[in-house]
Amino acid sequence: MIIKNIGSKIINIGTEILMPDSQITVSKDVAALPAIQAFAVKKYIKIVDNEKKGDDSGDKAEAPKTGKRSFKRTTPASGAEG
């Protein structure tokens, strides 16, 4: 989960310092803490759930499957020093 500081105050979350207009990634357990929820209610922070939900909206069916790309060298291995 991502916590964004949308207020004008500096916020400490554990040992992390969250400056205004910055963000950090935290676990669900940290985002569920009462202090974090209180900041969200007061509109100091915004909590964004960046984990994919289990909904099947057809995204998997639309994406074509591609094979793995090979990483073969296309130029000679000699250096460019000359």
C-alpha atoms as a PDB file:
ATOM      1  CA  MET A   1       0.000   0.000   0.000  1.00  0.00           C
ATOM      2  CA  ILE A   2       1.159   3.520  -0.682  1.00  0.00           C
ATOM      3  CA  ILE A   3       0.720   6.391   1.750  1.00  0.00           C
ATOM      4  CA  LYS A   4       0.866   9.869   0.207  1.00  0.00           C
ATOM      5  CA  ASN A   5       1.284  12.976   2.330  1.00  0.00           C
ATOM      6  CA  ILE A   6      -1.255  15.392   0.856  1.00  0.00           C
ATOM      7  CA  GLY A   7      -1.062  17.846   3.746  1.00  0.00           C
ATOM      8  CA  SER A   8       1.490  20.501   4.605  1.00  0.00           C
ATOM      9  CA  LYS A   9       2.856  18.837   7.751  1.00  0.00           C
ATOM     10  CA  ILE A  10       5.781  16.437   8.156  1.00  0.00           C
ATOM     11  CA  ILE A  11       4.529  13.017   9.326  1.00  0.00           C
ATOM     12  CA  ASN A  12       6.525  10.239  10.985  1.00  0.00           C
ATOM     13  CA  ILE A  13       5.409   6.681  10.303  1.00  0.00           C
ATOM     14  CA  GLY A  14       7.582   4.372  12.340  1.00  0.00           C
ATOM     15  CA  THR A  15      11.134   5.352  11.466  1.00  0.00           C
ATOM     16  CA  GLU A  16      10.150   6.891   8.119  1.00  0.00           C
ATOM     17  CA  ILE A  17       9.706  10.634   7.664  1.00  0.00           C
ATOM     18  CA  LEU A  18       6.997  11.544   5.195  1.00  0.00           C
ATOM     19  CA  MET A  19       7.529  15.043   3.824  1.00  0.00           C
ATOM     20  CA  PRO A  20       4.679  16.978   2.169  1.00  0.00           C
ATOM     21  CA  ASP A  21       3.946  15.845  -1.390  1.00  0.00           C
ATOM     22  CA  SER A  22       5.910  12.599  -0.966  1.00  0.00           C
ATOM     23  CA  GLN A  23       4.921   8.960  -0.576  1.00  0.00           C
ATOM     24  CA  ILE A  24       6.113   5.697   0.967  1.00  0.00           C
ATOM     25  CA  THR A  25       5.170   2.057   0.542  1.00  0.00           C
ATOM     26  CA  VAL A  26       3.925   0.250   3.646  1.00  0.00           C
ATOM     27  CA  SER A  27       2.282  -3.065   4.485  1.00  0.00           C
ATOM     28  CA  LYS A  28      -1.447  -3.511   5.030  1.00  0.00           C
ATOM     29  CA  ASP A  29      -0.817  -3.916   8.759  1.00  0.00           C
ATOM     30  CA  VAL A  30       0.820  -0.497   9.000  1.00  0.00           C
ATOM     31  CA  ALA A  31      -1.915   1.133   6.903  1.00  0.00           C
ATOM     32  CA  ALA A  32      -4.546  -0.328   9.230  1.00  0.00           C
ATOM     33  CA  LEU A  33      -3.047   1.250  12.375  1.00  0.00           C
ATOM     34  CA  PRO A  34      -5.383   3.656  14.208  1.00  0.00           C
ATOM     35  CA  ALA A  35      -2.928   6.572  13.971  1.00  0.00           C
ATOM     36  CA  ILE A  36      -2.628   6.157  10.198  1.00  0.00           C
ATOM     37  CA  GLN A  37      -6.405   5.940   9.844  1.00  0.00           C
ATOM     38  CA  ALA A  38      -6.763   9.118  11.941  1.00  0.00           C
ATOM     39  CA  PHE A  39      -4.376  10.959   9.593  1.00  0.00           C
ATOM     40  CA  ALA A  40      -6.465   9.757   6.639  1.00  0.00           C
ATOM     41  CA  VAL A  41      -9.710  10.971   8.257  1.00  0.00           C
ATOM     42  CA  LYS A  42      -8.161  14.415   8.833  1.00  0.00           C
ATOM     43  CA  LYS A  43      -7.052  14.470   5.156  1.00  0.00           C
ATOM     44  CA  TYR A  44      -3.336  14.690   6.022  1.00  0.00           C
ATOM     45  CA  ILE A  45      -2.565  11.525   4.055  1.00  0.00           C
ATOM     46  CA  LYS A  46      -4.091   9.440   1.291  1.00  0.00           C
ATOM     47  CA  ILE A  47      -3.877   5.636   1.416  1.00  0.00           C
ATOM     48  CA  VAL A  48      -3.678   3.970  -1.998  1.00  0.00           C
ATOM     49  CA  ASP A  49      -4.154   0.210  -2.314  1.00  0.00           C
ATOM     50  CA  ASN A  50      -1.697  -0.785  -5.041  1.00  0.00           C
ATOM     51  CA  GLU A  51      -2.341  -4.514  -4.808  1.00  0.00           C
ATOM     52  CA  LYS A  52      -4.384  -6.085  -7.570  1.00  0.00           C
ATOM     53  CA  LYS A  53      -7.802  -7.230  -6.555  1.00  0.00           C
ATOM     54  CA  GLY A  54      -9.187 -10.608  -7.546  1.00  0.00           C
ATOM     55  CA  ASP A  55     -11.706  -9.260 -10.031  1.00  0.00           C
ATOM     56  CA  ASP A  56     -11.724 -10.866 -13.470  1.00  0.00           C
ATOM     57  CA  SER A  57     -12.558  -7.956 -15.723  1.00  0.00           C
ATOM     58  CA  GLY A  58     -11.204  -9.689 -18.806  1.00  0.00           C
ATOM     59  CA  ASP A  59      -7.771  -8.093 -18.718  1.00  0.00           C
ATOM     60  CA  LYS A  60      -6.090 -11.477 -18.828  1.00  0.00           C
ATOM     61  CA  ALA A  61      -7.997 -12.557 -21.929  1.00  0.00           C
ATOM     62  CA  GLU A  62      -7.161  -9.395 -23.858  1.00  0.00           C
ATOM     63  CA  ALA A  63      -3.416  -9.491 -23.294  1.00  0.00           C
ATOM     64  CA  PRO A  64      -1.649 -11.578 -25.938  1.00  0.00           C
ATOM     65  CA  LYS A  65       0.832 -14.100 -24.683  1.00  0.00           C
ATOM     66  CA  THR A  66       4.336 -13.545 -25.909  1.00  0.00           C
ATOM     67  CA  GLY A  67       7.371 -15.735 -25.593  1.00  0.00           C
ATOM     68  CA  LYS A  68      10.383 -14.752 -23.584  1.00  0.00           C
ATOM     69  CA  ARG A  69      12.744 -12.454 -25.360  1.00  0.00           C
ATOM     70  CA  SER A  70      16.258 -13.634 -25.937  1.00  0.00           C
ATOM     71  CA  PHE A  71      19.017 -11.300 -24.915  1.00  0.00           C
ATOM     72  CA  LYS A  72      21.529 -12.176 -27.587  1.00  0.00           C
ATOM     73  CA  ARG A  73      24.197  -9.634 -28.335  1.00  0.00           C
ATOM     74  CA  THR A  74      23.646  -7.968 -31.709  1.00  0.00           C
ATOM     75  CA  THR A  75      26.940  -6.073 -31.777  1.00  0.00           C
ATOM     76  CA  PRO A  76      30.453  -7.479 -31.463  1.00  0.00           C
ATOM     77  CA  ALA A  77      31.774  -7.843 -27.926  1.00  0.00           C
ATOM     78  CA  SER A  78      34.882  -5.773 -28.663  1.00  0.00           C
ATOM     79  CA  GLY A  79      35.084  -2.444 -26.886  1.00  0.00           C
ATOM     80  CA  ALA A  80      34.503   0.937 -28.462  1.00  0.00           C
ATOM     81  CA  GLU A  81      37.875   2.283 -27.329  1.00  0.00           C
ATOM     82  CA  GLY A  82      39.365   1.684 -30.774  1.00  0.00           C
END
